[in-house]
Protein backbone atom coordinates (compact mmCIF):
# COMPACT_ATOMS: atom_id res chain seq x y z
CA MET A 1 -40.88 -58.34 -10.47
CA GLU A 2 -38.86 -55.40 -11.28
CA ARG A 3 -35.34 -55.77 -10.58
CA LEU A 4 -33.23 -53.65 -8.72
CA ILE A 5 -29.09 -53.56 -8.85
CA HIS A 6 -27.38 -51.07 -7.04
CA LYS A 7 -23.63 -50.99 -7.76
CA THR A 8 -21.07 -49.04 -5.26
CA SER A 9 -17.41 -49.76 -4.46
CA THR A 10 -15.41 -49.52 -1.73
CA VAL A 11 -11.67 -48.48 -1.38
CA ILE A 12 -9.68 -49.45 1.88
CA VAL A 13 -6.66 -48.17 2.04
CA ALA A 14 -4.62 -49.61 5.64
CA ALA A 15 -1.12 -47.43 5.75
CA GLY A 16 0.91 -47.36 8.52
CA ASP A 17 -1.25 -47.18 11.82
CA GLY A 18 -4.53 -46.01 9.91
CA THR A 19 -7.35 -47.40 7.75
CA SER A 20 -8.93 -45.06 5.54
CA VAL A 21 -11.88 -45.83 3.37
CA PHE A 22 -12.90 -44.39 0.00
CA ARG A 23 -16.03 -44.64 -2.21
CA SER A 24 -13.44 -44.80 -5.51
CA VAL A 25 -10.09 -44.93 -6.41
CA GLY A 26 -10.25 -41.66 -7.42
CA GLU A 27 -10.82 -40.15 -4.21
CA VAL A 28 -7.60 -41.27 -2.79
CA PRO A 29 -5.34 -38.79 -1.88
CA PRO A 30 -1.96 -38.55 -4.98
CA GLU A 31 1.09 -39.58 -2.45
CA LEU A 32 -1.45 -42.34 -0.97
CA ARG A 33 -2.55 -43.43 -4.56
CA ARG A 34 0.89 -43.83 -5.86
CA ARG A 35 1.86 -46.12 -2.81
CA LEU A 36 -1.22 -47.77 -3.71
CA VAL A 37 -0.77 -48.49 -7.22
CA LYS A 38 2.72 -49.76 -6.22
CA ALA A 39 1.33 -51.86 -4.16
CA THR A 40 -1.14 -53.67 -6.22
CA SER A 41 1.39 -53.81 -8.76
CA SER A 42 3.42 -56.32 -7.16
CA PRO A 43 3.03 -60.35 -8.17
CA GLU A 44 2.07 -60.98 -4.52
CA ALA A 45 -0.81 -58.29 -4.97
CA VAL A 46 -4.19 -60.00 -4.99
CA THR A 47 -7.44 -58.38 -5.85
CA ILE A 48 -10.48 -59.01 -3.69
CA LEU A 49 -14.25 -58.57 -4.88
CA ILE A 50 -16.87 -58.97 -2.52
CA ALA A 51 -19.95 -59.39 -4.47
CA ASP A 52 -23.16 -58.68 -1.17
CA GLU A 53 -23.54 -56.33 2.02
CA ASN A 54 -22.43 -59.26 4.19
CA GLY A 55 -18.95 -59.31 2.55
CA ARG A 56 -18.59 -55.82 2.87
CA LYS A 57 -19.05 -56.20 6.44
CA GLU A 58 -16.89 -59.12 7.17
CA ILE A 59 -14.41 -57.21 5.99
CA LEU A 60 -14.77 -53.80 8.09
CA ARG A 61 -15.12 -55.92 10.68
CA SER A 62 -11.80 -57.66 10.52
CA LEU A 63 -10.46 -54.41 10.42
CA GLN A 64 -11.81 -53.37 13.65
CA VAL A 65 -8.79 -55.63 15.47
CA GLU A 66 -6.22 -54.48 17.37
CA PRO A 67 -3.31 -53.65 14.83
CA GLY A 68 -0.86 -55.38 17.24
CA ALA A 69 -2.82 -58.21 17.98
CA PRO A 70 -2.01 -60.29 14.71
CA ALA A 71 1.70 -59.74 15.70
CA ARG A 72 1.91 -60.97 18.77
CA SER A 73 -0.31 -64.16 17.56
CA LYS A 74 2.91 -64.98 15.46
CA ASP A 75 5.09 -64.47 18.49
CA ARG A 76 3.22 -67.21 19.96
CA TRP A 77 3.17 -69.08 17.56
CA GLU A 78 6.55 -69.41 16.52
CA TRP A 79 7.07 -69.42 20.69
CA ARG A 80 4.76 -72.67 20.45
CA HIS A 81 6.64 -73.92 17.55
CA TRP A 82 10.26 -73.95 19.42
CA ALA A 83 8.80 -75.49 22.51
CA GLU A 84 7.04 -78.57 20.58
CA MET A 85 10.64 -79.08 18.58
CA ALA A 86 12.01 -79.16 22.29
CA LEU A 87 10.01 -81.52 22.96
CA VAL A 88 10.45 -83.77 20.18
CA ALA A 89 13.79 -83.75 20.46
CA GLY A 90 13.87 -84.26 24.28
CA ILE A 91 11.77 -87.58 23.74
CA GLY A 92 14.22 -88.55 20.72
CA ILE A 93 17.04 -88.04 23.35
CA CYS A 94 14.88 -89.84 26.31
CA LEU A 95 14.95 -92.79 23.41
CA TRP A 96 18.37 -92.87 22.44
CA ALA A 97 19.43 -92.79 26.11
CA LEU A 98 17.29 -95.63 26.93
CA SER A 99 18.69 -97.81 23.82
CA TYR A 100 22.30 -97.04 24.55
CA TRP A 101 22.35 -97.99 28.22
CA ASN A 102 20.58 -101.30 27.33
């Protein structure tokens, strides 16, 4: 049985409000490429290797989320975090008041 292997690469760059897809780093415009190289040279940068078509589809699906969605999610978490802390503090104050008056 003959085995067929087709190698491809996809470079997805999200900058500002837009997302661009290129077949290689060489296709990325020079100014955007400089920003890409700078961003991927930082200690926090991570290389992602997707080995199959399903992984590529999953990444493209995740990029279709509204640009403001992650920020709203973070804001909700912060609000929830503070609400939980206030609840714990309120319970602590109630327990302290009960033990103080008894």
